Amino acid sequence: MTFTMARSKAGHDKNCVYVVLSEDGNDVLVADGVHKTVTAPKRKRKTHLQPIIHIPDEISAIAADQNQYQDDWIKKVIKEYSKTS
């Protein structure tokens, strides 16, 4: 699976940034490392998410070093993305 990030377009979490953990048909499992963790991810419809197409090189490098998702790593990636956007 390739590294993907997405921003919520709908719901009470509108504009929140997530890391996509897995896809299943029209649904995805996402986590932010704080409220929605790897062990208890949030299920969202793909239509309610906007994929983040341009991921800065610094974040891509962090993603390349990680082969398994962990909450601390997800928080770090989202924090770095928030700094650049």
Protein backbone atom coordinates (compact mmCIF):
# COMPACT_ATOMS: atom_id res chain seq x y z
CA MET A 1 0.00 0.00 0.00
CA THR A 2 1.26 3.46 -0.83
CA PHE A 3 1.40 6.25 1.74
CA THR A 4 -1.71 8.44 1.53
CA MET A 5 -3.03 11.40 3.46
CA ALA A 6 -6.51 12.92 3.20
CA ARG A 7 -8.51 15.86 4.52
CA SER A 8 -12.09 15.36 5.69
CA LYS A 9 -14.67 17.23 3.58
CA ALA A 10 -17.75 16.37 5.64
CA GLY A 11 -18.88 15.50 9.12
CA HIS A 12 -18.05 16.90 12.53
CA ASP A 13 -14.35 16.42 11.73
CA LYS A 14 -14.42 18.63 8.61
CA ASN A 15 -10.92 19.85 7.57
CA CYS A 16 -9.11 17.33 9.81
CA VAL A 17 -6.06 15.67 8.26
CA TYR A 18 -5.75 11.90 8.45
CA VAL A 19 -3.39 9.16 7.33
CA VAL A 20 -5.21 6.47 5.35
CA LEU A 21 -4.55 3.05 6.89
CA SER A 22 -6.53 0.85 4.49
CA GLU A 23 -9.20 0.86 1.81
CA ASP A 24 -12.25 -1.39 1.56
CA GLY A 25 -14.55 -0.71 -1.39
CA ASN A 26 -16.13 2.73 -0.87
CA ASP A 27 -14.80 3.05 2.70
CA VAL A 28 -11.38 3.79 4.15
CA LEU A 29 -9.96 3.51 7.64
CA VAL A 30 -8.17 6.66 8.77
CA ALA A 31 -6.24 7.69 11.88
CA ASP A 32 -4.85 10.93 13.27
CA GLY A 33 -2.81 9.36 16.07
CA VAL A 34 -4.66 11.29 18.80
CA HIS A 35 -8.44 10.84 18.76
CA LYS A 36 -8.52 8.11 16.13
CA THR A 37 -5.69 5.68 16.72
CA VAL A 38 -4.30 2.77 14.75
CA THR A 39 -6.08 0.33 17.06
CA ALA A 40 -9.41 2.21 16.79
CA PRO A 41 -9.46 3.96 13.39
CA LYS A 42 -12.33 5.97 11.95
CA ARG A 43 -14.28 4.57 9.02
CA LYS A 44 -15.04 7.23 6.38
CA ARG A 45 -16.59 7.13 2.93
CA LYS A 46 -14.16 7.96 0.14
CA THR A 47 -16.56 10.65 -1.06
CA HIS A 48 -16.18 12.45 2.29
CA LEU A 49 -12.39 12.69 1.94
CA GLN A 50 -10.21 14.86 -0.25
CA PRO A 51 -6.88 13.14 -0.99
CA ILE A 52 -3.80 15.26 -0.38
CA ILE A 53 -2.05 15.03 -3.73
CA HIS A 54 1.08 17.06 -3.04
CA ILE A 55 2.90 15.61 -0.05
CA PRO A 56 6.13 17.54 0.68
CA ASP A 57 9.44 15.71 0.28
CA GLU A 58 10.22 15.90 4.02
CA ILE A 59 7.03 14.01 4.83
CA SER A 60 7.60 11.49 2.05
CA ALA A 61 11.03 10.79 3.53
CA ILE A 62 9.49 10.18 6.97
CA ALA A 63 6.92 7.87 5.37
CA ALA A 64 9.62 5.90 3.56
CA ASP A 65 11.35 5.15 6.88
CA GLN A 66 8.22 3.63 8.39
CA ASN A 67 6.98 0.19 7.33
CA GLN A 68 4.20 -0.15 9.92
CA TYR A 69 1.83 2.56 11.09
CA GLN A 70 2.09 3.70 14.70
CA ASP A 71 0.28 6.54 16.49
CA ASP A 72 3.43 8.52 17.33
CA TRP A 73 4.56 8.34 13.71
CA ILE A 74 1.13 9.44 12.43
CA LYS A 75 1.10 12.42 14.81
CA LYS A 76 4.57 13.42 13.58
CA VAL A 77 3.59 13.19 9.91
CA ILE A 78 0.41 15.26 10.42
CA LYS A 79 2.31 17.84 12.47
CA GLU A 80 4.96 18.19 9.75
CA TYR A 81 2.26 18.50 7.10
CA SER A 82 0.49 21.22 9.11
CA LYS A 83 3.73 23.22 9.28
CA THR A 84 4.14 23.15 5.49
CA SER A 85 0.55 23.95 4.55
